[in-house]
Structures are given as structure tokens and as C-alpha cells.
Amino acid sequence: MRPPSPEECVVTTELCMLLWSVVLGLVQIVLAASCSIGQRGLGWIASARDEVKPPLTGVGGRLDRARANFLETFPLFAAAVLAAQVMQQHDPLTVLGAQLYFWARVLYVPVYAAGIPYLRTLVWAVSLAGIVLLLVALL
């Protein structure tokens, strides 16, 4: 199998959603880190962190948990999108799955930060449904 030529390389909607999800992940890391600096102080952030980490509270804690949740689901999404790319599987189901995941994850951040419990769970379920749609299309 030979690598594709530049003319054969296509950025699909699914791959675009994957790339924007990377950006979203970076934004979530920065938001959580900013809250950590605000609550724990720059001294703690710059330290060796040998002592027990004081928990983040309020919006900072929720943003940190949203970041952690993103990091749990993102590898599954990335693997499914990359598998679709390698298998050259690009159809309405894979597009819908990728878009559902991305837009649900975008919505998840402010919903979680605002502390809206049932809506947060629904949005999380939609993001998982996006991953499932990608897998259904591939299997």
C-alpha cells in the first residue's frame, strides 16, 4: 500500500471535526488551568506539587471536571474518525456522528460550568451517540 498523493488527500468533515475537537480540548485545558491558578495560586502551580492537591470548587471545579470528561471521550472519537479516514468511509452517518460529538462537546462546557445537571447529562449522551454513529458506520 502506497501513501496517498497530495491530490488524493481530502480533508473530510469528520477530520475537520476532529481537528476542531483538538482546539476545543486545548481551550478546556487553558480554562481549567486558569481556574487552578486563580484558586490554588501561582506558587502552587509552579511548585513540585508533592503535597495533596487542594480541590477546585465552584465553576473552576466544574470546568476541570468537564476537561477530564472530554479527555475520557476524545480518544474514542479520534480513533473512530481516524479509522473512518483510513477505511475511506465517508457517508452521512459518519458526518452526523462527528458533528454530533463536536457540537455536543462545545455545548457541554458552558452547560457544565453553569451547573445544569440534567441538561449536562443529555448533552454528554449526545456526544456519545456521535461516537456510536461513527462506529455503526464502520462496523
Protein backbone atom coordinates (compact mmCIF):
# COMPACT_ATOMS: atom_id res chain seq x y z
CA MET A 1 0.00 0.00 0.00
CA ARG A 2 1.45 3.37 -1.01
CA PRO A 3 0.85 6.69 0.75
CA PRO A 4 -1.75 8.90 -0.93
CA SER A 5 -0.59 11.66 -3.24
CA PRO A 6 -1.42 15.28 -2.35
CA GLU A 7 -4.24 15.19 -4.92
CA GLU A 8 -5.76 12.19 -3.16
CA CYS A 9 -5.66 13.76 0.31
CA VAL A 10 -9.05 15.06 1.28
CA VAL A 11 -9.98 16.78 4.50
CA THR A 12 -13.35 15.27 5.25
CA THR A 13 -15.96 16.80 7.52
CA GLU A 14 -15.12 14.12 10.07
CA LEU A 15 -11.43 15.00 10.03
CA CYS A 16 -12.29 18.69 10.29
CA MET A 17 -14.44 17.95 13.37
CA LEU A 18 -11.50 16.01 14.83
CA LEU A 19 -9.15 18.94 14.32
CA TRP A 20 -11.63 21.39 15.87
CA SER A 21 -12.06 18.96 18.77
CA VAL A 22 -8.31 19.23 19.39
CA VAL A 23 -8.74 23.02 19.56
CA LEU A 24 -11.68 22.55 21.95
CA GLY A 25 -9.54 20.30 24.14
CA LEU A 26 -6.81 22.93 24.29
CA VAL A 27 -9.36 25.60 25.24
CA GLN A 28 -10.66 23.37 28.03
CA ILE A 29 -7.15 22.76 29.33
CA VAL A 30 -6.46 26.51 29.40
CA LEU A 31 -9.80 27.25 31.13
CA ALA A 32 -9.17 24.63 33.81
CA ALA A 33 -5.57 25.76 34.30
CA SER A 34 -6.67 29.39 34.65
CA CYS A 35 -9.16 28.41 37.33
CA SER A 36 -6.49 26.35 39.06
CA ILE A 37 -4.13 29.34 39.14
CA GLY A 38 -6.95 31.54 40.44
CA GLN A 39 -7.91 29.18 43.27
CA ARG A 40 -4.63 27.49 44.17
CA GLY A 41 -2.27 30.33 43.37
CA LEU A 42 0.68 30.60 41.05
CA GLY A 43 3.01 29.36 43.79
CA TRP A 44 1.22 26.03 43.99
CA ILE A 45 1.08 25.68 40.20
CA ALA A 46 4.84 26.33 39.92
CA SER A 47 5.70 24.03 42.85
CA ALA A 48 6.76 20.38 42.74
CA ARG A 49 3.19 19.56 43.89
CA ASP A 50 4.35 16.98 46.39
CA GLU A 51 1.53 17.81 48.80
CA VAL A 52 -2.11 16.84 48.33
CA LYS A 53 -3.79 18.95 45.67
CA PRO A 54 -6.50 21.21 47.09
CA PRO A 55 -9.75 20.59 45.20
CA LEU A 56 -11.12 23.22 42.84
CA THR A 57 -14.56 24.48 43.80
CA GLY A 58 -17.48 26.13 42.03
CA VAL A 59 -17.11 26.95 38.34
CA GLY A 60 -13.40 26.10 38.46
CA GLY A 61 -14.13 22.60 39.70
CA ARG A 62 -16.84 22.12 37.10
CA LEU A 63 -14.56 23.31 34.28
CA ASP A 64 -11.84 20.94 35.49
CA ARG A 65 -14.29 18.02 35.56
CA ALA A 66 -15.58 18.95 32.08
CA ARG A 67 -11.96 18.88 30.85
CA ALA A 68 -11.40 15.48 32.44
CA ASN A 69 -14.60 14.18 30.87
CA PHE A 70 -13.50 15.45 27.45
CA LEU A 71 -10.18 13.64 27.85
CA GLU A 72 -12.09 10.40 28.57
CA THR A 73 -14.17 10.53 25.39
CA PHE A 74 -11.79 12.23 22.95
CA PRO A 75 -9.51 9.19 22.33
CA LEU A 76 -12.55 7.11 21.35
CA PHE A 77 -13.77 9.83 18.99
CA ALA A 78 -10.30 10.32 17.49
CA ALA A 79 -9.85 6.58 16.93
CA ALA A 80 -13.25 6.30 15.22
CA VAL A 81 -12.61 9.30 12.96
CA LEU A 82 -9.12 8.11 12.04
CA ALA A 83 -10.45 4.61 11.33
CA ALA A 84 -13.09 6.13 9.05
CA GLN A 85 -10.37 8.10 7.27
CA VAL A 86 -8.14 5.05 6.81
CA MET A 87 -11.09 2.93 5.65
CA GLN A 88 -12.21 5.76 3.35
CA GLN A 89 -15.63 5.54 4.99
CA HIS A 90 -17.25 8.92 4.48
CA ASP A 91 -21.03 8.97 4.42
CA PRO A 92 -23.92 10.87 6.04
CA LEU A 93 -23.75 8.66 9.14
CA THR A 94 -20.06 9.34 9.79
CA VAL A 95 -20.56 13.05 9.12
CA LEU A 96 -23.52 13.20 11.51
CA GLY A 97 -21.63 11.25 14.18
CA ALA A 98 -18.62 13.56 14.02
CA GLN A 99 -20.76 16.69 14.05
CA LEU A 100 -22.89 15.44 16.96
CA TYR A 101 -19.79 14.68 19.00
CA PHE A 102 -18.11 18.02 18.33
CA TRP A 103 -21.11 20.30 18.82
CA ALA A 104 -22.26 18.39 21.92
CA ARG A 105 -18.77 18.77 23.41
CA VAL A 106 -18.81 22.51 22.62
CA LEU A 107 -22.18 22.82 24.37
CA TYR A 108 -21.04 20.63 27.27
CA VAL A 109 -18.51 23.18 28.53
CA PRO A 110 -20.90 26.07 29.32
CA VAL A 111 -23.67 23.72 30.45
CA TYR A 112 -21.34 22.00 32.92
CA ALA A 113 -19.80 25.32 34.03
CA ALA A 114 -23.30 26.66 34.71
CA GLY A 115 -24.11 23.59 36.81
CA ILE A 116 -27.17 22.43 34.85
CA PRO A 117 -27.28 18.73 35.85
CA TYR A 118 -29.88 17.01 33.64
CA LEU A 119 -29.07 19.02 30.53
CA ARG A 120 -25.38 18.25 31.10
CA THR A 121 -26.13 14.53 31.10
CA LEU A 122 -28.25 14.82 27.96
CA VAL A 123 -25.51 16.74 26.12
CA TRP A 124 -22.95 14.15 27.23
CA ALA A 125 -25.21 11.36 25.91
CA VAL A 126 -25.48 13.14 22.55
CA SER A 127 -21.68 13.26 22.29
CA LEU A 128 -21.52 9.51 22.98
CA ALA A 129 -24.25 8.92 20.40
CA GLY A 130 -21.97 10.65 17.90
CA ILE A 131 -19.20 8.16 18.63
CA VAL A 132 -21.66 5.27 18.36
CA LEU A 133 -22.86 6.52 14.96
CA LEU A 134 -19.27 6.58 13.72
CA LEU A 135 -18.75 3.02 14.93
CA VAL A 136 -22.02 1.78 13.42
CA ALA A 137 -20.95 3.17 10.05
CA LEU A 138 -17.59 1.42 10.33
CA LEU A 139 -18.78 -1.99 11.52
